[in-house]
C-alpha atoms as a PDB file:
ATOM      1  CA  MET A   1      29.931  31.503 -43.351  1.00  0.00           C
ATOM      2  CA  THR A   2      30.040  30.810 -47.002  1.00  0.00           C
ATOM      3  CA  GLU A   3      30.038  33.685 -49.553  1.00  0.00           C
ATOM      4  CA  LYS A   4      26.564  32.720 -50.700  1.00  0.00           C
ATOM      5  CA  HIS A   5      25.159  32.825 -47.093  1.00  0.00           C
ATOM      6  CA  LYS A   6      26.824  36.274 -46.465  1.00  0.00           C
ATOM      7  CA  ASN A   7      25.216  37.638 -49.571  1.00  0.00           C
ATOM      8  CA  GLU A   8      21.790  36.053 -48.634  1.00  0.00           C
ATOM      9  CA  SER A   9      22.131  37.385 -45.159  1.00  0.00           C
ATOM     10  CA  LEU A  10      22.805  41.072 -46.500  1.00  0.00           C
ATOM     11  CA  LEU A  11      20.089  40.622 -49.128  1.00  0.00           C
ATOM     12  CA  LYS A  12      17.601  39.755 -46.303  1.00  0.00           C
ATOM     13  CA  LYS A  13      18.766  42.871 -44.139  1.00  0.00           C
ATOM     14  CA  LYS A  14      18.219  44.961 -47.240  1.00  0.00           C
ATOM     15  CA  GLU A  15      14.851  43.601 -47.872  1.00  0.00           C
ATOM     16  CA  ALA A  16      13.972  44.330 -44.146  1.00  0.00           C
ATOM     17  CA  PHE A  17      15.003  47.822 -44.593  1.00  0.00           C
ATOM     18  CA  TYR A  18      13.044  48.115 -47.734  1.00  0.00           C
ATOM     19  CA  ASN A  19       9.851  46.875 -45.999  1.00  0.00           C
ATOM     20  CA  GLU A  20      10.261  49.220 -43.126  1.00  0.00           C
ATOM     21  CA  LEU A  21      10.840  52.157 -45.275  1.00  0.00           C
ATOM     22  CA  ARG A  22       7.671  51.325 -47.383  1.00  0.00           C
ATOM     23  CA  LYS A  23       5.566  51.063 -44.240  1.00  0.00           C
ATOM     24  CA  SER A  24       6.679  54.652 -43.458  1.00  0.00           C
ATOM     25  CA  THR A  25       5.757  56.184 -46.656  1.00  0.00           C
ATOM     26  CA  GLU A  26       2.773  58.065 -45.148  1.00  0.00           C
ATOM     27  CA  ILE A  27       4.854  59.281 -42.158  1.00  0.00           C
ATOM     28  CA  PHE A  28       7.564  60.873 -44.524  1.00  0.00           C
ATOM     29  CA  LYS A  29       4.722  62.386 -46.694  1.00  0.00           C
ATOM     30  CA  ALA A  30       3.110  63.816 -43.613  1.00  0.00           C
ATOM     31  CA  LEU A  31       6.279  65.094 -42.209  1.00  0.00           C
ATOM     32  CA  ALA A  32       7.589  66.605 -45.591  1.00  0.00           C
ATOM     33  CA  ASP A  33       5.164  69.545 -45.593  1.00  0.00           C
ATOM     34  CA  PRO A  34       6.409  72.721 -43.849  1.00  0.00           C
ATOM     35  CA  VAL A  35       2.874  73.626 -42.649  1.00  0.00           C
ATOM     36  CA  ARG A  36       2.546  70.162 -40.940  1.00  0.00           C
ATOM     37  CA  GLN A  37       5.978  70.676 -39.439  1.00  0.00           C
ATOM     38  CA  ASP A  38       4.782  73.969 -37.979  1.00  0.00           C
ATOM     39  CA  ILE A  39       1.741  72.247 -36.645  1.00  0.00           C
ATOM     40  CA  LEU A  40       3.857  69.363 -35.096  1.00  0.00           C
ATOM     41  CA  LEU A  41       5.836  71.964 -33.341  1.00  0.00           C
ATOM     42  CA  MET A  42       2.733  73.433 -31.858  1.00  0.00           C
ATOM     43  CA  PHE A  43       2.033  70.094 -30.197  1.00  0.00           C
ATOM     44  CA  MET A  44       5.504  70.234 -28.696  1.00  0.00           C
ATOM     45  CA  VAL A  45       4.215  73.352 -26.675  1.00  0.00           C
ATOM     46  CA  SER A  46       0.634  72.213 -26.089  1.00  0.00           C
ATOM     47  CA  LYS A  47      -0.124  68.547 -25.579  1.00  0.00           C
ATOM     48  CA  ARG A  48      -3.786  68.815 -26.952  1.00  0.00           C
ATOM     49  CA  LEU A  49      -5.232  71.260 -29.426  1.00  0.00           C
ATOM     50  CA  ASN A  50      -8.293  71.759 -31.323  1.00  0.00           C
ATOM     51  CA  VAL A  51      -8.603  73.214 -34.925  1.00  0.00           C
ATOM     52  CA  SER A  52      -9.445  76.636 -33.482  1.00  0.00           C
ATOM     53  CA  GLN A  53      -6.406  76.867 -31.393  1.00  0.00           C
ATOM     54  CA  ILE A  54      -4.151  75.866 -34.224  1.00  0.00           C
ATOM     55  CA  VAL A  55      -5.900  78.261 -36.589  1.00  0.00           C
ATOM     56  CA  GLU A  56      -5.167  81.001 -33.982  1.00  0.00           C
ATOM     57  CA  GLN A  57      -1.447  80.196 -34.345  1.00  0.00           C
ATOM     58  CA  SER A  58      -1.360  79.894 -38.119  1.00  0.00           C
ATOM     59  CA  PRO A  59      -1.980  81.977 -41.264  1.00  0.00           C
ATOM     60  CA  MET A  60      -3.869  79.003 -42.776  1.00  0.00           C
ATOM     61  CA  SER A  61      -7.730  78.695 -43.020  1.00  0.00           C
ATOM     62  CA  ARG A  62      -9.610  76.347 -40.824  1.00  0.00           C
ATOM     63  CA  PRO A  63     -10.255  73.897 -43.712  1.00  0.00           C
ATOM     64  CA  THR A  64      -6.703  73.876 -44.613  1.00  0.00           C
ATOM     65  CA  ILE A  65      -5.571  73.204 -41.105  1.00  0.00           C
ATOM     66  CA  SER A  66      -8.298  70.329 -40.891  1.00  0.00           C
ATOM     67  CA  HIS A  67      -6.814  68.817 -44.087  1.00  0.00           C
ATOM     68  CA  HIS A  68      -3.245  68.798 -42.564  1.00  0.00           C
ATOM     69  CA  LEU A  69      -4.575  67.383 -39.365  1.00  0.00           C
ATOM     70  CA  LYS A  70      -6.120  64.532 -41.253  1.00  0.00           C
ATOM     71  CA  ILE A  71      -3.101  63.639 -43.103  1.00  0.00           C
ATOM     72  CA  MET A  72      -1.225  63.689 -39.858  1.00  0.00           C
ATOM     73  CA  LYS A  73      -3.837  61.514 -38.404  1.00  0.00           C
ATOM     74  CA  MET A  74      -3.764  59.140 -41.254  1.00  0.00           C
ATOM     75  CA  ALA A  75      -0.048  58.728 -40.944  1.00  0.00           C
ATOM     76  CA  GLY A  76      -0.462  57.739 -37.270  1.00  0.00           C
ATOM     77  CA  ILE A  77       1.344  61.027 -36.052  1.00  0.00           C
ATOM     78  CA  LEU A  78      -1.767  62.312 -34.265  1.00  0.00           C
ATOM     79  CA  ASP A  79      -4.847  60.962 -32.604  1.00  0.00           C
ATOM     80  CA  SER A  80      -8.062  62.661 -31.914  1.00  0.00           C
ATOM     81  CA  LYS A  81     -11.408  62.781 -29.923  1.00  0.00           C
ATOM     82  CA  LYS A  82     -14.558  64.820 -30.678  1.00  0.00           C
ATOM     83  CA  GLU A  83     -15.888  66.568 -27.607  1.00  0.00           C
ATOM     84  CA  ALA A  84     -19.098  68.616 -28.023  1.00  0.00           C
ATOM     85  CA  THR A  85     -18.500  70.528 -31.291  1.00  0.00           C
ATOM     86  CA  GLU A  86     -14.718  70.456 -31.318  1.00  0.00           C
ATOM     87  CA  VAL A  87     -12.293  67.860 -32.257  1.00  0.00           C
ATOM     88  CA  TYR A  88      -9.168  67.661 -30.143  1.00  0.00           C
ATOM     89  CA  TYR A  89      -5.838  66.331 -31.444  1.00  0.00           C
ATOM     90  CA  TRP A  90      -2.695  65.178 -29.734  1.00  0.00           C
ATOM     91  CA  LEU A  91       0.418  63.378 -30.605  1.00  0.00           C
ATOM     92  CA  THR A  92      -0.151  59.660 -30.572  1.00  0.00           C
ATOM     93  CA  ALA A  93       0.268  58.110 -27.023  1.00  0.00           C
ATOM     94  CA  ASN A  94       1.876  54.785 -28.247  1.00  0.00           C
ATOM     95  CA  HIS A  95       4.389  56.700 -30.340  1.00  0.00           C
ATOM     96  CA  SER A  96       3.800  54.354 -33.341  1.00  0.00           C
ATOM     97  CA  THR A  97       5.674  56.879 -35.526  1.00  0.00           C
ATOM     98  CA  VAL A  98       8.738  56.946 -33.433  1.00  0.00           C
ATOM     99  CA  LYS A  99       8.803  53.253 -33.332  1.00  0.00           C
ATOM    100  CA  GLN A 100       8.465  52.990 -36.944  1.00  0.00           C
ATOM    101  CA  LEU A 101      11.301  55.466 -37.633  1.00  0.00           C
ATOM    102  CA  LYS A 102      13.511  53.588 -35.222  1.00  0.00           C
ATOM    103  CA  LYS A 103      12.831  50.414 -37.099  1.00  0.00           C
ATOM    104  CA  ILE A 104      14.166  52.172 -40.274  1.00  0.00           C
ATOM    105  CA  VAL A 105      17.271  53.334 -38.399  1.00  0.00           C
ATOM    106  CA  SER A 106      17.888  49.831 -36.961  1.00  0.00           C
ATOM    107  CA  SER A 107      17.504  48.183 -40.342  1.00  0.00           C
ATOM    108  CA  LEU A 108      20.061  50.607 -41.794  1.00  0.00           C
ATOM    109  CA  GLU A 109      22.495  49.899 -38.979  1.00  0.00           C
ATOM    110  CA  GLU A 110      22.345  46.173 -39.590  1.00  0.00           C
ATOM    111  CA  ILE A 111      23.212  46.647 -43.210  1.00  0.00           C
ATOM    112  CA  GLU A 112      25.976  49.088 -42.143  1.00  0.00           C
ATOM    113  CA  ASN A 113      27.385  46.631 -39.574  1.00  0.00           C
ATOM    114  CA  HIS A 114      27.262  43.838 -41.931  1.00  0.00           C
ATOM    115  CA  GLN A 115      29.082  45.696 -44.528  1.00  0.00           C
ATOM    116  CA  ASP A 116      31.618  47.054 -41.899  1.00  0.00           C
ATOM    117  CA  LYS A 117      32.325  43.480 -40.910  1.00  0.00           C
ATOM    118  CA  GLU A 118      33.006  42.400 -44.539  1.00  0.00           C
ATOM    119  CA  ASN A 119      35.217  45.434 -45.101  1.00  0.00           C
ATOM    120  CA  ASP A 120      37.264  44.533 -41.907  1.00  0.00           C
ATOM    121  CA  LYS A 121      37.866  41.049 -43.424  1.00  0.00           C
ATOM    122  CA  ILE A 122      39.473  42.654 -46.529  1.00  0.00           C
END
């Protein structure tokens, strides 16, 4: 493979990483907040929760919890369904967030492997 093709190949891998990273911006924003991290941990214990159940376990108000749940839902971390007067939330069944994060890691590994191969030749 010529030096030009090697550089083009590495550039394509870096572009793929960049694209996956950009797709994940909302996930990272949602996971960056400590309150949302605490809420996420609640779902590790209970698979399905409504706002009232989360408020009982948190010092935050109902509107604040609802706001955080909305952000997590928009990021694809949670899904929800209204039943009577309550909205129940759970971690997304298709694990789209986990799949997206795996794509980022995979893209980084491809760049690293490419660079390792180049360093081995030196």
